[in-house]
Amino acid sequence: MSRLNLTRLRQMKAEQNKIAMLTAYDASFSHVLEQAGIDVILIGDSLGMVIQGQESTLPVTVDDIIYHCRNVVRGSNAVFVIADMPFMSYANAEQAVSNAARLMAEGGAQMVKLEGGAVMASTVELLTARGIPVCAHLGLLPQSVHRVGGYRVQGRDAETAEQLVQDAIALQKAGADMVVLECVPAALAAKVTNTLTIPVIGIGAGSECDGQVLVLYDMIGLTPGKRPRFSHDFLADTGAI
């Protein structure tokens, strides 16, 4: 069985078939999610918080992502696999190419995801020119949480909303094949989705995106502490797992 590919994901957008994406970090959950019909698995740097018990995603390393990516790939046959590029793993051109190549070659990822707006366009262009598909992450950027003052909805005012739209356009022009929008108003997410020709995946961004992504552990109640407001715990009323 061959894995889902970018051509099919683009077709899903064109046909208005929603793309279902979840995070996973091991072979067992990877297999379960594939059997459940999930289209895309993201090996997110969220593993720093839900697997390692860190206070943020910042301590996660490229080696961490590679290890978990390998597990996900071994546990699945058909899902599309995206690997996060951790904090400061793409701070310059040499780092970006080297680390993205490792995630693809050693981890088995089909795409890498990096955070940032138009300022990252040159990096996206650099990677895609070398055959590395890129998913751009806009809106709330967990790797920049200390700079923006916490986990807050982004793009609420007209100026920042328009900047986000322009960032998305710039990243698509640079060669990005997908965009993740996190914690932005639903109307803004809909505008970005309708503006771009590439798939737009939302997390806490309303229902009008081309697909949705959630952290699996939030969705099944395994995340310690407070769960994001946009994530429903589907096991909350079922008692023990």
C-alpha atoms as a PDB file:
ATOM      1  CA  MET A   1       0.000   0.000   0.000  1.00  0.00           C
ATOM      2  CA  SER A   2       1.410   3.396  -0.967  1.00  0.00           C
ATOM      3  CA  ARG A   3       1.222   6.438   1.261  1.00  0.00           C
ATOM      4  CA  LEU A   4      -1.072   9.383   0.683  1.00  0.00           C
ATOM      5  CA  ASN A   5       0.782  12.071  -1.261  1.00  0.00           C
ATOM      6  CA  LEU A   6       0.651  15.805  -1.895  1.00  0.00           C
ATOM      7  CA  THR A   7      -1.209  15.370  -5.169  1.00  0.00           C
ATOM      8  CA  ARG A   8      -4.060  13.650  -3.351  1.00  0.00           C
ATOM      9  CA  LEU A   9      -4.090  16.251  -0.566  1.00  0.00           C
ATOM     10  CA  ARG A  10      -4.403  19.009  -3.163  1.00  0.00           C
ATOM     11  CA  GLN A  11      -7.245  17.074  -4.790  1.00  0.00           C
ATOM     12  CA  MET A  12      -8.983  16.832  -1.424  1.00  0.00           C
ATOM     13  CA  LYS A  13      -8.884  20.624  -1.128  1.00  0.00           C
ATOM     14  CA  ALA A  14     -10.186  21.054  -4.670  1.00  0.00           C
ATOM     15  CA  GLU A  15     -12.991  18.557  -4.032  1.00  0.00           C
ATOM     16  CA  GLN A  16     -13.752  20.111  -0.613  1.00  0.00           C
ATOM     17  CA  ASN A  17     -13.030  16.834   1.151  1.00  0.00           C
ATOM     18  CA  LYS A  18     -11.826  17.657   4.654  1.00  0.00           C
ATOM     19  CA  ILE A  19      -8.329  16.526   5.622  1.00  0.00           C
ATOM     20  CA  ALA A  20      -8.065  14.812   9.018  1.00  0.00           C
ATOM     21  CA  MET A  21      -4.733  15.237  10.817  1.00  0.00           C
ATOM     22  CA  LEU A  22      -3.609  14.208  14.292  1.00  0.00           C
ATOM     23  CA  THR A  23      -0.297  14.100  16.109  1.00  0.00           C
ATOM     24  CA  ALA A  24       1.277  10.767  16.991  1.00  0.00           C
ATOM     25  CA  TYR A  25       4.637   9.790  18.371  1.00  0.00           C
ATOM     26  CA  ASP A  26       4.754   5.983  18.338  1.00  0.00           C
ATOM     27  CA  ALA A  27       3.993   2.959  16.179  1.00  0.00           C
ATOM     28  CA  SER A  28       0.938   1.782  18.136  1.00  0.00           C
ATOM     29  CA  PHE A  29      -1.005   5.035  17.906  1.00  0.00           C
ATOM     30  CA  SER A  30       0.163   5.470  14.316  1.00  0.00           C
ATOM     31  CA  HIS A  31      -1.436   2.150  13.414  1.00  0.00           C
ATOM     32  CA  VAL A  32      -4.646   2.949  15.297  1.00  0.00           C
ATOM     33  CA  LEU A  33      -5.012   6.356  13.637  1.00  0.00           C
ATOM     34  CA  GLU A  34      -4.443   4.901  10.189  1.00  0.00           C
ATOM     35  CA  GLN A  35      -7.085   2.249  10.816  1.00  0.00           C
ATOM     36  CA  ALA A  36      -9.472   5.001  11.944  1.00  0.00           C
ATOM     37  CA  GLY A  37      -9.086   6.790   8.611  1.00  0.00           C
ATOM     38  CA  ILE A  38      -6.784   9.659   9.569  1.00  0.00           C
ATOM     39  CA  ASP A  39      -5.161  11.158   6.472  1.00  0.00           C
ATOM     40  CA  VAL A  40      -2.085  12.845   7.950  1.00  0.00           C
ATOM     41  CA  ILE A  41       0.030  12.247  11.046  1.00  0.00           C
ATOM     42  CA  LEU A  42       2.164  15.066  12.415  1.00  0.00           C
ATOM     43  CA  ILE A  43       5.139  14.215  14.585  1.00  0.00           C
ATOM     44  CA  GLY A  44       4.851  17.472  16.455  1.00  0.00           C
ATOM     45  CA  ASP A  45       7.306  19.135  18.784  1.00  0.00           C
ATOM     46  CA  SER A  46       4.304  18.996  21.123  1.00  0.00           C
ATOM     47  CA  LEU A  47       5.947  15.724  22.161  1.00  0.00           C
ATOM     48  CA  GLY A  48       8.114  17.848  24.418  1.00  0.00           C
ATOM     49  CA  MET A  49       5.085  18.613  26.570  1.00  0.00           C
ATOM     50  CA  VAL A  50       2.901  15.502  26.237  1.00  0.00           C
ATOM     51  CA  ILE A  51       5.652  12.850  26.082  1.00  0.00           C
ATOM     52  CA  GLN A  52       8.679  14.385  27.807  1.00  0.00           C
ATOM     53  CA  GLY A  53       6.835  16.496  30.386  1.00  0.00           C
ATOM     54  CA  GLN A  54       8.546  19.745  29.381  1.00  0.00           C
ATOM     55  CA  GLU A  55       6.917  23.123  30.044  1.00  0.00           C
ATOM     56  CA  SER A  56       7.135  24.082  26.356  1.00  0.00           C
ATOM     57  CA  THR A  57       8.186  22.705  22.981  1.00  0.00           C
ATOM     58  CA  LEU A  58      11.531  24.513  23.053  1.00  0.00           C
ATOM     59  CA  PRO A  59      13.765  21.715  24.468  1.00  0.00           C
ATOM     60  CA  VAL A  60      12.801  19.246  21.714  1.00  0.00           C
ATOM     61  CA  THR A  61      15.694  18.279  19.434  1.00  0.00           C
ATOM     62  CA  VAL A  62      15.961  17.072  15.856  1.00  0.00           C
ATOM     63  CA  ASP A  63      17.073  13.681  17.184  1.00  0.00           C
ATOM     64  CA  ASP A  64      13.883  13.500  19.277  1.00  0.00           C
ATOM     65  CA  ILE A  65      11.717  14.139  16.222  1.00  0.00           C
ATOM     66  CA  ILE A  66      13.655  11.616  14.125  1.00  0.00           C
ATOM     67  CA  TYR A  67      13.234   8.918  16.784  1.00  0.00           C
ATOM     68  CA  HIS A  68       9.478   9.399  17.028  1.00  0.00           C
ATOM     69  CA  CYS A  69       9.072   9.846  13.278  1.00  0.00           C
ATOM     70  CA  ARG A  70      10.695   6.475  12.665  1.00  0.00           C
ATOM     71  CA  ASN A  71       8.230   4.880  15.071  1.00  0.00           C
ATOM     72  CA  VAL A  72       5.239   6.475  13.343  1.00  0.00           C
ATOM     73  CA  VAL A  73       6.460   5.396   9.910  1.00  0.00           C
ATOM     74  CA  ARG A  74       6.987   1.815  11.093  1.00  0.00           C
ATOM     75  CA  GLY A  75       3.459   1.673  12.489  1.00  0.00           C
ATOM     76  CA  SER A  76       1.684   2.877   9.356  1.00  0.00           C
ATOM     77  CA  ASN A  77       1.495   2.243   5.629  1.00  0.00           C
ATOM     78  CA  ALA A  78      -0.834   4.799   4.067  1.00  0.00           C
ATOM     79  CA  VAL A  79      -0.939   8.035   6.074  1.00  0.00           C
ATOM     80  CA  PHE A  80       0.966  11.137   4.974  1.00  0.00           C
ATOM     81  CA  VAL A  81       3.740  11.892   7.501  1.00  0.00           C
ATOM     82  CA  ILE A  82       4.857  15.392   8.505  1.00  0.00           C
ATOM     83  CA  ALA A  83       7.723  16.117  10.910  1.00  0.00           C
ATOM     84  CA  ASP A  84       8.106  19.317  12.909  1.00  0.00           C
ATOM     85  CA  MET A  85      11.380  21.198  12.693  1.00  0.00           C
ATOM     86  CA  PRO A  86      12.213  21.986  16.337  1.00  0.00           C
ATOM     87  CA  PHE A  87      13.122  25.347  17.831  1.00  0.00           C
ATOM     88  CA  MET A  88      16.291  26.852  16.274  1.00  0.00           C
ATOM     89  CA  SER A  89      16.803  23.879  13.955  1.00  0.00           C
ATOM     90  CA  TYR A  90      16.344  26.179  10.930  1.00  0.00           C
ATOM     91  CA  ALA A  91      17.980  29.377  12.201  1.00  0.00           C
ATOM     92  CA  ASN A  92      20.157  29.654   9.091  1.00  0.00           C
ATOM     93  CA  ALA A  93      20.224  28.162   5.608  1.00  0.00           C
ATOM     94  CA  GLU A  94      22.802  25.474   6.353  1.00  0.00           C
ATOM     95  CA  GLN A  95      20.940  24.297   9.464  1.00  0.00           C
ATOM     96  CA  ALA A  96      17.600  24.285   7.679  1.00  0.00           C
ATOM     97  CA  VAL A  97      18.771  22.129   4.785  1.00  0.00           C
ATOM     98  CA  SER A  98      20.799  19.757   6.949  1.00  0.00           C
ATOM     99  CA  ASN A  99      18.106  19.185   9.569  1.00  0.00           C
ATOM    100  CA  ALA A 100      15.217  18.961   7.103  1.00  0.00           C
ATOM    101  CA  ALA A 101      17.190  16.413   5.084  1.00  0.00           C
ATOM    102  CA  ARG A 102      17.744  14.342   8.225  1.00  0.00           C
ATOM    103  CA  LEU A 103      14.034  14.382   9.060  1.00  0.00           C
ATOM    104  CA  MET A 104      13.282  13.092   5.562  1.00  0.00           C
ATOM    105  CA  ALA A 105      16.147  10.611   5.132  1.00  0.00           C
ATOM    106  CA  GLU A 106      16.528   9.301   8.698  1.00  0.00           C
ATOM    107  CA  GLY A 107      13.032   9.887  10.046  1.00  0.00           C
ATOM    108  CA  GLY A 108      11.072   8.933   6.951  1.00  0.00           C
ATOM    109  CA  ALA A 109       8.965  12.112   6.857  1.00  0.00           C
ATOM    110  CA  GLN A 110       7.292  13.203   3.622  1.00  0.00           C
ATOM    111  CA  MET A 111       7.208  16.876   4.624  1.00  0.00           C
ATOM    112  CA  VAL A 112       8.681  19.165   7.268  1.00  0.00           C
ATOM    113  CA  LYS A 113       6.838  21.888   9.158  1.00  0.00           C
ATOM    114  CA  LEU A 114       8.366  25.172  10.281  1.00  0.00           C
ATOM    115  CA  GLU A 115       6.992  28.220  12.069  1.00  0.00           C
ATOM    116  CA  GLY A 116       7.041  31.820  10.881  1.00  0.00           C
ATOM    117  CA  GLY A 117       5.618  34.293   8.387  1.00  0.00           C
ATOM    118  CA  ALA A 118       7.031  35.931   5.271  1.00  0.00           C
ATOM    119  CA  VAL A 119      10.420  36.194   6.983  1.00  0.00           C
ATOM    120  CA  MET A 120      10.696  32.420   6.428  1.00  0.00           C
ATOM    121  CA  ALA A 121       9.957  32.628   2.697  1.00  0.00           C
ATOM    122  CA  SER A 122      13.616  32.379   1.701  1.00  0.00           C
ATOM    123  CA  THR A 123      14.023  29.272   3.870  1.00  0.00           C
ATOM    124  CA  VAL A 124      10.926  27.690   2.351  1.00  0.00           C
ATOM    125  CA  GLU A 125      12.225  28.471  -1.129  1.00  0.00           C
ATOM    126  CA  LEU A 126      15.618  26.997  -0.252  1.00  0.00           C
ATOM    127  CA  LEU A 127      14.112  23.739   1.010  1.00  0.00           C
ATOM    128  CA  THR A 128      11.562  23.245  -1.751  1.00  0.00           C
ATOM    129  CA  ALA A 129      14.224  23.894  -4.397  1.00  0.00           C
ATOM    130  CA  ARG A 130      16.042  20.889  -2.939  1.00  0.00           C
ATOM    131  CA  GLY A 131      13.004  18.629  -3.097  1.00  0.00           C
ATOM    132  CA  ILE A 132      11.892  18.994   0.523  1.00  0.00           C
ATOM    133  CA  PRO A 133       8.145  19.709   0.837  1.00  0.00           C
ATOM    134  CA  VAL A 134       7.313  22.334   3.464  1.00  0.00           C
ATOM    135  CA  CYS A 135       4.283  23.014   5.638  1.00  0.00           C
ATOM    136  CA  ALA A 136       4.273  26.579   6.982  1.00  0.00           C
ATOM    137  CA  HIS A 137       2.833  27.282  10.447  1.00  0.00           C
ATOM    138  CA  LEU A 138       1.127  30.653  11.032  1.00  0.00           C
ATOM    139  CA  GLY A 139      -0.925  32.284  13.778  1.00  0.00           C
ATOM    140  CA  LEU A 140       0.019  31.186  17.274  1.00  0.00           C
ATOM    141  CA  LEU A 141       3.609  29.961  17.081  1.00  0.00           C
ATOM    142  CA  PRO A 142       4.477  27.749  20.078  1.00  0.00           C
ATOM    143  CA  GLN A 143       8.220  28.185  19.473  1.00  0.00           C
ATOM    144  CA  SER A 144       7.756  31.966  19.902  1.00  0.00           C
ATOM    145  CA  VAL A 145       5.473  31.754  22.921  1.00  0.00           C
ATOM    146  CA  HIS A 146       7.824  33.747  25.164  1.00  0.00           C
ATOM    147  CA  ARG A 147       7.994  36.597  22.654  1.00  0.00           C
ATOM    148  CA  VAL A 148       4.228  36.906  22.157  1.00  0.00           C
ATOM    149  CA  GLY A 149       3.427  36.611  25.861  1.00  0.00           C
ATOM    150  CA  GLY A 150       1.739  33.222  26.044  1.00  0.00           C
ATOM    151  CA  TYR A 151      -0.772  31.099  24.195  1.00  0.00           C
ATOM    152  CA  ARG A 152      -3.181  33.708  22.808  1.00  0.00           C
ATOM    153  CA  VAL A 153      -5.425  34.047  19.777  1.00  0.00           C
ATOM    154  CA  GLN A 154      -3.592  35.828  16.960  1.00  0.00           C
ATOM    155  CA  GLY A 155      -4.882  38.093  14.170  1.00  0.00           C
ATOM    156  CA  ARG A 156      -7.724  39.705  16.079  1.00  0.00           C
ATOM    157  CA  ASP A 157      -7.207  43.247  14.766  1.00  0.00           C
ATOM    158  CA  ALA A 158      -7.315  44.342  11.134  1.00  0.00           C
ATOM    159  CA  GLU A 159      -3.593  45.041  10.852  1.00  0.00           C
ATOM    160  CA  THR A 160      -2.352  41.715  12.192  1.00  0.00           C
ATOM    161  CA  ALA A 161      -5.064  39.851  10.289  1.00  0.00           C
ATOM    162  CA  GLU A 162      -3.971  41.385   6.989  1.00  0.00           C
ATOM    163  CA  GLN A 163      -0.332  40.659   7.830  1.00  0.00           C
ATOM    164  CA  LEU A 164      -1.193  37.004   8.370  1.00  0.00           C
ATOM    165  CA  VAL A 165      -2.946  36.840   4.988  1.00  0.00           C
ATOM    166  CA  GLN A 166       0.087  38.403   3.295  1.00  0.00           C
ATOM    167  CA  ASP A 167       2.406  36.013   5.139  1.00  0.00           C
ATOM    168  CA  ALA A 168       0.387  33.058   3.867  1.00  0.00           C
ATOM    169  CA  ILE A 169       0.500  34.349   0.291  1.00  0.00           C
ATOM    170  CA  ALA A 170       4.264  34.925   0.508  1.00  0.00           C
ATOM    171  CA  LEU A 171       4.891  31.426   1.844  1.00  0.00           C
ATOM    172  CA  GLN A 172       2.770  29.819  -0.856  1.00  0.00           C
ATOM    173  CA  LYS A 173       4.648  31.841  -3.472  1.00  0.00           C
ATOM    174  CA  ALA A 174       7.939  30.634  -1.954  1.00  0.00           C
ATOM    175  CA  GLY A 175       6.848  27.042  -2.517  1.00  0.00           C
ATOM    176  CA  ALA A 176       5.071  25.930   0.662  1.00  0.00           C
ATOM    177  CA  ASP A 177       2.743  23.000  -0.058  1.00  0.00           C
ATOM    178  CA  MET A 178       0.576  23.339   3.048  1.00  0.00           C
ATOM    179  CA  VAL A 179      -0.225  25.833   5.811  1.00  0.00           C
ATOM    180  CA  VAL A 180      -1.232  25.210   9.423  1.00  0.00           C
ATOM    181  CA  LEU A 181      -3.188  28.042  11.063  1.00  0.00           C
ATOM    182  CA  GLU A 182      -3.240  27.952  14.860  1.00  0.00           C
ATOM    183  CA  CYS A 183      -5.519  29.973  17.137  1.00  0.00           C
ATOM    184  CA  VAL A 184      -6.810  32.598  14.726  1.00  0.00           C
ATOM    185  CA  PRO A 185     -10.394  33.878  14.318  1.00  0.00           C
ATOM    186  CA  ALA A 186     -12.605  31.663  12.158  1.00  0.00           C
ATOM    187  CA  ALA A 187     -13.321  34.425   9.629  1.00  0.00           C
ATOM    188  CA  LEU A 188      -9.610  35.056   9.125  1.00  0.00           C
ATOM    189  CA  ALA A 189      -8.917  31.340   8.726  1.00  0.00           C
ATOM    190  CA  ALA A 190     -11.681  31.120   6.116  1.00  0.00           C
ATOM    191  CA  LYS A 191     -10.179  34.050   4.208  1.00  0.00           C
ATOM    192  CA  VAL A 192      -6.735  32.455   4.134  1.00  0.00           C
ATOM    193  CA  THR A 193      -8.220  29.105   3.092  1.00  0.00           C
ATOM    194  CA  ASN A 194     -10.116  30.684   0.214  1.00  0.00           C
ATOM    195  CA  THR A 195      -7.121  32.780  -0.855  1.00  0.00           C
ATOM    196  CA  LEU A 196      -4.571  29.972  -1.079  1.00  0.00           C
ATOM    197  CA  THR A 197      -4.496  27.124  -3.571  1.00  0.00           C
ATOM    198  CA  ILE A 198      -2.632  24.824  -1.158  1.00  0.00           C
ATOM    199  CA  PRO A 199      -4.319  22.956   1.734  1.00  0.00           C
ATOM    200  CA  VAL A 200      -4.874  25.006   4.897  1.00  0.00           C
ATOM    201  CA  ILE A 201      -5.175  23.023   8.132  1.00  0.00           C
ATOM    202  CA  GLY A 202      -6.651  24.646  11.216  1.00  0.00           C
ATOM    203  CA  ILE A 203      -6.123  24.110  14.919  1.00  0.00           C
ATOM    204  CA  GLY A 204      -8.382  26.317  16.975  1.00  0.00           C
ATOM    205  CA  ALA A 205      -9.162  28.242  13.784  1.00  0.00           C
ATOM    206  CA  GLY A 206     -12.810  27.489  13.071  1.00  0.00           C
ATOM    207  CA  SER A 207     -14.355  24.937  10.737  1.00  0.00           C
ATOM    208  CA  GLU A 208     -13.796  26.517   7.323  1.00  0.00           C
ATOM    209  CA  CYS A 209     -10.215  25.346   6.784  1.00  0.00           C
ATOM    210  CA  ASP A 210      -9.441  22.487   4.406  1.00  0.00           C
ATOM    211  CA  GLY A 211      -8.793  20.237   7.379  1.00  0.00           C
ATOM    212  CA  GLN A 212      -8.222  20.090  11.116  1.00  0.00           C
ATOM    213  CA  VAL A 213      -5.323  18.998  13.288  1.00  0.00           C
ATOM    214  CA  LEU A 214      -5.332  18.260  17.007  1.00  0.00           C
ATOM    215  CA  VAL A 215      -2.839  16.915  19.511  1.00  0.00           C
ATOM    216  CA  LEU A 216      -3.945  13.311  20.021  1.00  0.00           C
ATOM    217  CA  TYR A 217      -3.235  13.340  23.743  1.00  0.00           C
ATOM    218  CA  ASP A 218      -5.519  16.363  24.221  1.00  0.00           C
ATOM    219  CA  MET A 219      -8.287  14.580  22.345  1.00  0.00           C
ATOM    220  CA  ILE A 220      -8.218  11.444  24.479  1.00  0.00           C
ATOM    221  CA  GLY A 221      -7.616  13.111  27.829  1.00  0.00           C
ATOM    222  CA  LEU A 222      -4.002  12.068  28.370  1.00  0.00           C
ATOM    223  CA  THR A 223      -2.548  15.576  28.560  1.00  0.00           C
ATOM    224  CA  PRO A 224      -1.809  16.624  32.165  1.00  0.00           C
ATOM    225  CA  GLY A 225      -3.191  19.963  33.300  1.00  0.00           C
ATOM    226  CA  LYS A 226      -5.386  22.332  31.348  1.00  0.00           C
ATOM    227  CA  ARG A 227      -6.539  21.253  27.907  1.00  0.00           C
ATOM    228  CA  PRO A 228      -6.838  23.809  25.060  1.00  0.00           C
ATOM    229  CA  ARG A 229     -10.374  25.201  24.789  1.00  0.00           C
ATOM    230  CA  PHE A 230     -10.653  24.174  21.146  1.00  0.00           C
ATOM    231  CA  SER A 231      -9.831  20.514  21.892  1.00  0.00           C
ATOM    232  CA  HIS A 232     -12.630  18.213  23.065  1.00  0.00           C
ATOM    233  CA  ASP A 233     -11.780  15.264  25.319  1.00  0.00           C
ATOM    234  CA  PHE A 234     -13.725  12.430  23.702  1.00  0.00           C
ATOM    235  CA  LEU A 235     -13.021  10.041  26.583  1.00  0.00           C
ATOM    236  CA  ALA A 236     -14.075  12.389  29.391  1.00  0.00           C
ATOM    237  CA  ASP A 237     -17.362  10.587  30.047  1.00  0.00           C
ATOM    238  CA  THR A 238     -16.226   7.040  29.411  1.00  0.00           C
ATOM    239  CA  GLY A 239     -14.310   6.355  32.614  1.00  0.00           C
ATOM    240  CA  ALA A 240     -11.080   4.355  32.450  1.00  0.00           C
ATOM    241  CA  ILE A 241      -9.563   3.676  29.051  1.00  0.00           C
END
